[in-house]
């Protein structure tokens, strides 16, 4: 009966550890999902800013062929 009790205790310990591991995995999964959503949003924002920069550079006036003001 001692072997049965020892085995039962070991199973209880393993079940407890498994429950904590499942909770940890779920928490990590939620964290990773939130991080990927933020990365996606930042990537889209960076692309939009890059497009705006290209448009601003294209619309900027070129250098004038005027002499500097000290002439």
PDB file of N, CA and C in Angstrom:
ATOM      1  N   UNK A   1       0.818  -1.189   0.000  1.00  0.00           N
ATOM      2  CA  UNK A   1       0.000   0.000   0.000  1.00  0.00           C
ATOM      3  C   UNK A   1       0.858   1.247   0.000  1.00  0.00           C
ATOM      4  N   UNK A   2       2.042   1.145   0.513  1.00  0.00           N
ATOM      5  CA  UNK A   2       2.953   2.280   0.542  1.00  0.00           C
ATOM      6  C   UNK A   2       3.341   2.692  -0.876  1.00  0.00           C
ATOM      7  N   UNK A   3       3.526   1.702  -1.749  1.00  0.00           N
ATOM      8  CA  UNK A   3       3.866   2.008  -3.136  1.00  0.00           C
ATOM      9  C   UNK A   3       2.718   2.748  -3.819  1.00  0.00           C
ATOM     10  N   UNK A   4       1.515   2.329  -3.520  1.00  0.00           N
ATOM     11  CA  UNK A   4       0.348   2.988  -4.106  1.00  0.00           C
ATOM     12  C   UNK A   4       0.248   4.431  -3.624  1.00  0.00           C
ATOM     13  N   UNK A   5       0.496   4.641  -2.338  1.00  0.00           N
ATOM     14  CA  UNK A   5       0.424   5.986  -1.778  1.00  0.00           C
ATOM     15  C   UNK A   5       1.519   6.873  -2.370  1.00  0.00           C
ATOM     16  N   UNK A   6       2.727   6.339  -2.521  1.00  0.00           N
ATOM     17  CA  UNK A   6       3.830   7.086  -3.102  1.00  0.00           C
ATOM     18  C   UNK A   6       3.517   7.458  -4.550  1.00  0.00           C
ATOM     19  N   UNK A   7       2.987   6.500  -5.289  1.00  0.00           N
ATOM     20  CA  UNK A   7       2.630   6.740  -6.675  1.00  0.00           C
ATOM     21  C   UNK A   7       1.518   7.789  -6.766  1.00  0.00           C
ATOM     22  N   UNK A   8       0.555   7.700  -5.889  1.00  0.00           N
ATOM     23  CA  UNK A   8      -0.542   8.661  -5.868  1.00  0.00           C
ATOM     24  C   UNK A   8      -0.029  10.070  -5.556  1.00  0.00           C
ATOM     25  N   UNK A   9       0.879  10.188  -4.622  1.00  0.00           N
ATOM     26  CA  UNK A   9       1.466  11.488  -4.277  1.00  0.00           C
ATOM     27  C   UNK A   9       2.249  12.055  -5.458  1.00  0.00           C
ATOM     28  N   UNK A  10       2.997  11.194  -6.143  1.00  0.00           N
ATOM     29  CA  UNK A  10       3.761  11.648  -7.305  1.00  0.00           C
ATOM     30  C   UNK A  10       2.825  12.142  -8.414  1.00  0.00           C
ATOM     31  N   UNK A  11       1.724  11.442  -8.607  1.00  0.00           N
ATOM     32  CA  UNK A  11       0.755  11.859  -9.628  1.00  0.00           C
ATOM     33  C   UNK A  11       0.130  13.198  -9.239  1.00  0.00           C
ATOM     34  N   UNK A  12      -0.174  13.371  -7.962  1.00  0.00           N
ATOM     35  CA  UNK A  12      -0.738  14.634  -7.495  1.00  0.00           C
ATOM     36  C   UNK A  12       0.232  15.783  -7.743  1.00  0.00           C
ATOM     37  N   UNK A  13       1.498  15.550  -7.449  1.00  0.00           N
ATOM     38  CA  UNK A  13       2.512  16.583  -7.672  1.00  0.00           C
ATOM     39  C   UNK A  13       2.616  16.921  -9.159  1.00  0.00           C
ATOM     40  N   UNK A  14       2.610  15.894  -9.986  1.00  0.00           N
ATOM     41  CA  UNK A  14       2.690  16.116 -11.436  1.00  0.00           C
ATOM     42  C   UNK A  14       1.458  16.861 -11.962  1.00  0.00           C
ATOM     43  N   UNK A  15       0.287  16.535 -11.458  1.00  0.00           N
ATOM     44  CA  UNK A  15      -0.925  17.228 -11.882  1.00  0.00           C
ATOM     45  C   UNK A  15      -0.890  18.695 -11.462  1.00  0.00           C
ATOM     46  N   UNK A  16      -0.392  18.947 -10.273  1.00  0.00           N
ATOM     47  CA  UNK A  16      -0.272  20.327  -9.800  1.00  0.00           C
ATOM     48  C   UNK A  16       0.699  21.112 -10.677  1.00  0.00           C
ATOM     49  N   UNK A  17       1.845  20.507 -10.962  1.00  0.00           N
ATOM     50  CA  UNK A  17       2.829  21.171 -11.822  1.00  0.00           C
ATOM     51  C   UNK A  17       2.263  21.413 -13.207  1.00  0.00           C
ATOM     52  N   UNK A  18       1.525  20.462 -13.737  1.00  0.00           N
ATOM     53  CA  UNK A  18       0.930  20.598 -15.060  1.00  0.00           C
ATOM     54  C   UNK A  18      -0.072  21.750 -15.083  1.00  0.00           C
ATOM     55  N   UNK A  19      -0.854  21.882 -14.027  1.00  0.00           N
ATOM     56  CA  UNK A  19      -1.830  22.971 -13.964  1.00  0.00           C
ATOM     57  C   UNK A  19      -1.120  24.318 -13.971  1.00  0.00           C
ATOM     58  N   UNK A  20      -0.048  24.464 -13.208  1.00  0.00           N
ATOM     59  CA  UNK A  20       0.710  25.706 -13.194  1.00  0.00           C
ATOM     60  C   UNK A  20       1.378  25.961 -14.549  1.00  0.00           C
ATOM     61  N   UNK A  21       1.873  24.915 -15.170  1.00  0.00           N
ATOM     62  CA  UNK A  21       2.504  25.074 -16.484  1.00  0.00           C
ATOM     63  C   UNK A  21       1.469  25.498 -17.522  1.00  0.00           C
ATOM     64  N   UNK A  22       0.291  24.926 -17.474  1.00  0.00           N
ATOM     65  CA  UNK A  22      -0.769  25.320 -18.404  1.00  0.00           C
ATOM     66  C   UNK A  22      -1.116  26.798 -18.231  1.00  0.00           C
ATOM     67  N   UNK A  23      -1.212  27.239 -16.991  1.00  0.00           N
ATOM     68  CA  UNK A  23      -1.514  28.645 -16.714  1.00  0.00           C
ATOM     69  C   UNK A  23      -0.387  29.542 -17.231  1.00  0.00           C
ATOM     70  N   UNK A  24       0.853  29.133 -17.009  1.00  0.00           N
ATOM     71  CA  UNK A  24       1.996  29.915 -17.475  1.00  0.00           C
ATOM     72  C   UNK A  24       2.022  29.982 -18.993  1.00  0.00           C
ATOM     73  N   UNK A  25       1.768  28.877 -19.643  1.00  0.00           N
ATOM     74  CA  UNK A  25       1.752  28.847 -21.112  1.00  0.00           C
ATOM     75  C   UNK A  25       0.655  29.757 -21.648  1.00  0.00           C
ATOM     76  N   UNK A  26      -0.498  29.729 -21.046  1.00  0.00           N
ATOM     77  CA  UNK A  26      -1.596  30.593 -21.491  1.00  0.00           C
ATOM     78  C   UNK A  26      -1.244  32.066 -21.311  1.00  0.00           C
ATOM     79  N   UNK A  27      -0.638  32.406 -20.195  1.00  0.00           N
ATOM     80  CA  UNK A  27      -0.215  33.783 -19.947  1.00  0.00           C
ATOM     81  C   UNK A  27       0.827  34.221 -20.970  1.00  0.00           C
ATOM     82  N   UNK A  28       1.800  33.357 -21.236  1.00  0.00           N
ATOM     83  CA  UNK A  28       2.821  33.679 -22.229  1.00  0.00           C
ATOM     84  C   UNK A  28       2.213  33.828 -23.617  1.00  0.00           C
ATOM     85  N   UNK A  29       1.261  32.981 -23.952  1.00  0.00           N
ATOM     86  CA  UNK A  29       0.600  33.066 -25.248  1.00  0.00           C
ATOM     87  C   UNK A  29      -0.123  34.397 -25.407  1.00  0.00           C
ATOM     88  N   UNK A  30      -0.832  34.827 -24.376  1.00  0.00           N
ATOM     89  CA  UNK A  30      -1.527  36.115 -24.425  1.00  0.00           C
ATOM     90  C   UNK A  30      -0.529  37.260 -24.572  1.00  0.00           C
ATOM     91  N   UNK A  31       0.587  37.174 -23.865  1.00  0.00           N
ATOM     92  CA  UNK A  31       1.604  38.214 -23.945  1.00  0.00           C
ATOM     93  C   UNK A  31       2.197  38.285 -25.350  1.00  0.00           C
ATOM     94  N   UNK A  32       2.512  37.140 -25.909  1.00  0.00           N
ATOM     95  CA  UNK A  32       3.094  37.102 -27.252  1.00  0.00           C
ATOM     96  C   UNK A  32       2.097  37.625 -28.278  1.00  0.00           C
ATOM     97  N   UNK A  33       0.830  37.262 -28.142  1.00  0.00           N
ATOM     98  CA  UNK A  33      -0.190  37.743 -29.065  1.00  0.00           C
ATOM     99  C   UNK A  33      -0.300  39.261 -28.995  1.00  0.00           C
ATOM    100  N   UNK A  34      -0.303  39.817 -27.797  1.00  0.00           N
ATOM    101  CA  UNK A  34      -0.375  41.276 -27.638  1.00  0.00           C
ATOM    102  C   UNK A  34       0.854  41.946 -28.237  1.00  0.00           C
ATOM    103  N   UNK A  35       2.018  41.345 -28.049  1.00  0.00           N
ATOM    104  CA  UNK A  35       3.240  41.921 -28.603  1.00  0.00           C
ATOM    105  C   UNK A  35       3.210  41.903 -30.126  1.00  0.00           C
ATOM    106  N   UNK A  36       2.730  40.823 -30.727  1.00  0.00           N
ATOM    107  CA  UNK A  36       2.656  40.759 -32.191  1.00  0.00           C
ATOM    108  C   UNK A  36       1.672  41.778 -32.734  1.00  0.00           C
ATOM    109  N   UNK A  37       0.571  42.000 -32.030  1.00  0.00           N
ATOM    110  CA  UNK A  37      -0.372  43.022 -32.464  1.00  0.00           C
ATOM    111  C   UNK A  37       0.277  44.394 -32.430  1.00  0.00           C
ATOM    112  N   UNK A  38       1.059  44.656 -31.380  1.00  0.00           N
ATOM    113  CA  UNK A  38       1.739  45.939 -31.279  1.00  0.00           C
ATOM    114  C   UNK A  38       2.817  46.062 -32.361  1.00  0.00           C
ATOM    115  N   UNK A  39       3.545  44.992 -32.630  1.00  0.00           N
ATOM    116  CA  UNK A  39       4.560  45.009 -33.684  1.00  0.00           C
ATOM    117  C   UNK A  39       3.905  45.285 -35.035  1.00  0.00           C
ATOM    118  N   UNK A  40       2.783  44.639 -35.314  1.00  0.00           N
ATOM    119  CA  UNK A  40       2.072  44.873 -36.572  1.00  0.00           C
ATOM    120  C   UNK A  40       1.625  46.327 -36.692  1.00  0.00           C
ATOM    121  N   UNK A  41       1.081  46.872 -35.621  1.00  0.00           N
ATOM    122  CA  UNK A  41       0.628  48.266 -35.643  1.00  0.00           C
ATOM    123  C   UNK A  41       1.808  49.204 -35.876  1.00  0.00           C
ATOM    124  N   UNK A  42       2.911  48.951 -35.201  1.00  0.00           N
ATOM    125  CA  UNK A  42       4.088  49.802 -35.368  1.00  0.00           C
ATOM    126  C   UNK A  42       4.683  49.670 -36.765  1.00  0.00           C
ATOM    127  N   UNK A  43       4.634  48.480 -37.332  1.00  0.00           N
ATOM    128  CA  UNK A  43       5.139  48.267 -38.692  1.00  0.00           C
ATOM    129  C   UNK A  43       4.294  49.054 -39.692  1.00  0.00           C
ATOM    130  N   UNK A  44       2.967  49.010 -39.532  1.00  0.00           N
ATOM    131  CA  UNK A  44       2.090  49.784 -40.413  1.00  0.00           C
ATOM    132  C   UNK A  44       2.336  51.281 -40.248  1.00  0.00           C
ATOM    133  N   UNK A  45       2.525  51.719 -39.010  1.00  0.00           N
ATOM    134  CA  UNK A  45       2.773  53.136 -38.750  1.00  0.00           C
ATOM    135  C   UNK A  45       4.097  53.568 -39.373  1.00  0.00           C
ATOM    136  N   UNK A  46       5.120  52.736 -39.264  1.00  0.00           N
ATOM    137  CA  UNK A  46       6.419  53.050 -39.851  1.00  0.00           C
ATOM    138  C   UNK A  46       6.319  53.136 -41.367  1.00  0.00           C
ATOM    139  N   UNK A  47       5.572  52.236 -41.976  1.00  0.00           N
ATOM    140  CA  UNK A  47       5.392  52.268 -43.428  1.00  0.00           C
ATOM    141  C   UNK A  47       4.670  53.549 -43.853  1.00  0.00           C
ATOM    142  N   UNK A  48       3.644  53.927 -43.101  1.00  0.00           N
ATOM    143  CA  UNK A  48       2.904  55.158 -43.418  1.00  0.00           C
ATOM    144  C   UNK A  48       3.811  56.371 -43.279  1.00  0.00           C
ATOM    145  N   UNK A  49       4.635  56.401 -42.254  1.00  0.00           N
ATOM    146  CA  UNK A  49       5.556  57.527 -42.077  1.00  0.00           C
ATOM    147  C   UNK A  49       6.592  57.565 -43.191  1.00  0.00           C
ATOM    148  N   UNK A  50       7.036  56.402 -43.623  1.00  0.00           N
ATOM    149  CA  UNK A  50       7.985  56.347 -44.738  1.00  0.00           C
ATOM    150  C   UNK A  50       7.371  56.906 -46.002  1.00  0.00           C
ATOM    151  N   UNK A  51       6.105  56.558 -46.262  1.00  0.00           N
ATOM    152  CA  UNK A  51       5.409  57.098 -47.436  1.00  0.00           C
ATOM    153  C   UNK A  51       5.248  58.607 -47.330  1.00  0.00           C
ATOM    154  N   UNK A  52       4.897  59.088 -46.141  1.00  0.00           N
ATOM    155  CA  UNK A  52       4.761  60.538 -45.945  1.00  0.00           C
ATOM    156  C   UNK A  52       6.082  61.247 -46.157  1.00  0.00           C
ATOM    157  N   UNK A  53       7.170  60.640 -45.733  1.00  0.00           N
ATOM    158  CA  UNK A  53       8.487  61.250 -45.919  1.00  0.00           C
ATOM    159  C   UNK A  53       8.838  61.333 -47.401  1.00  0.00           C
ATOM    160  N   UNK A  54       8.546  60.267 -48.134  1.00  0.00           N
ATOM    161  CA  UNK A  54       8.819  60.273 -49.574  1.00  0.00           C
ATOM    162  C   UNK A  54       7.994  61.360 -50.260  1.00  0.00           C
ATOM    163  N   UNK A  55       6.715  61.478 -49.877  1.00  0.00           N
ATOM    164  CA  UNK A  55       5.857  62.520 -50.454  1.00  0.00           C
ATOM    165  C   UNK A  55       6.362  63.910 -50.097  1.00  0.00           C
ATOM    166  N   UNK A  56       6.803  64.101 -48.857  1.00  0.00           N
ATOM    167  CA  UNK A  56       7.295  65.407 -48.427  1.00  0.00           C
ATOM    168  C   UNK A  56       8.586  65.762 -49.162  1.00  0.00           C
ATOM    169  N   UNK A  57       9.447  64.788 -49.359  1.00  0.00           N
ATOM    170  CA  UNK A  57      10.691  65.061 -50.076  1.00  0.00           C
ATOM    171  C   UNK A  57      10.403  65.386 -51.539  1.00  0.00           C
ATOM    172  N   UNK A  58       9.415  64.729 -52.123  1.00  0.00           N
ATOM    173  CA  UNK A  58       9.076  64.991 -53.522  1.00  0.00           C
ATOM    174  C   UNK A  58       8.427  66.360 -53.683  1.00  0.00           C
ATOM    175  N   UNK A  59       7.675  66.805 -52.694  1.00  0.00           N
ATOM    176  CA  UNK A  59       6.984  68.082 -52.773  1.00  0.00           C
ATOM    177  C   UNK A  59       7.853  69.249 -52.325  1.00  0.00           C
ATOM    178  N   UNK A  60       8.982  68.969 -51.715  1.00  0.00           N
ATOM    179  CA  UNK A  60       9.848  70.041 -51.218  1.00  0.00           C
ATOM    180  C   UNK A  60      10.459  70.790 -52.395  1.00  0.00           C
ATOM    181  N   UNK A  61      10.566  72.094 -52.264  1.00  0.00           N
ATOM    182  CA  UNK A  61      11.190  72.850 -53.355  1.00  0.00           C
ATOM    183  C   UNK A  61      12.669  72.504 -53.457  1.00  0.00           C
ATOM    184  N   UNK A  62      13.150  72.495 -54.679  1.00  0.00           N
ATOM    185  CA  UNK A  62      14.555  72.202 -54.897  1.00  0.00           C
ATOM    186  C   UNK A  62      15.423  73.375 -54.503  1.00  0.00           C
ATOM    187  N   UNK A  63      16.702  73.177 -54.542  1.00  0.00           N
ATOM    188  CA  UNK A  63      17.598  74.293 -54.187  1.00  0.00           C
ATOM    189  C   UNK A  63      17.498  75.385 -55.251  1.00  0.00           C
ATOM    190  N   UNK A  64      17.380  76.583 -54.787  1.00  0.00           N
ATOM    191  CA  UNK A  64      17.271  77.736 -55.714  1.00  0.00           C
ATOM    192  C   UNK A  64      18.672  78.102 -56.203  1.00  0.00           C
ATOM    193  N   UNK A  65      18.734  78.590 -57.406  1.00  0.00           N
ATOM    194  CA  UNK A  65      20.019  79.031 -57.957  1.00  0.00           C
ATOM    195  C   UNK A  65      20.236  80.498 -57.671  1.00  0.00           C
ATOM    196  N   UNK A  66      20.039  80.842 -56.449  1.00  0.00           N
ATOM    197  CA  UNK A  66      20.235  82.222 -56.040  1.00  0.00           C
ATOM    198  C   UNK A  66      21.564  82.334 -55.321  1.00  0.00           C
ATOM    199  N   UNK A  67      22.198  83.458 -55.448  1.00  0.00           N
ATOM    200  CA  UNK A  67      23.452  83.624 -54.694  1.00  0.00           C
ATOM    201  C   UNK A  67      23.135  83.750 -53.206  1.00  0.00           C
ATOM    202  N   UNK A  68      24.061  83.354 -52.375  1.00  0.00           N
ATOM    203  CA  UNK A  68      23.843  83.475 -50.939  1.00  0.00           C
ATOM    204  C   UNK A  68      23.605  84.920 -50.549  1.00  0.00           C
ATOM    205  N   UNK A  69      22.955  85.146 -49.422  1.00  0.00           N
ATOM    206  CA  UNK A  69      22.590  86.514 -49.030  1.00  0.00           C
ATOM    207  C   UNK A  69      23.780  87.435 -48.788  1.00  0.00           C
ATOM    208  N   UNK A  70      24.967  86.914 -48.579  1.00  0.00           N
ATOM    209  CA  UNK A  70      26.105  87.803 -48.295  1.00  0.00           C
ATOM    210  C   UNK A  70      26.741  88.377 -49.561  1.00  0.00           C
ATOM    211  N   UNK A  71      26.219  88.063 -50.745  1.00  0.00           N
ATOM    212  CA  UNK A  71      26.765  88.657 -51.975  1.00  0.00           C
ATOM    213  C   UNK A  71      26.130  89.961 -52.256  1.00  0.00           C
TER     214      UNK A  71
END
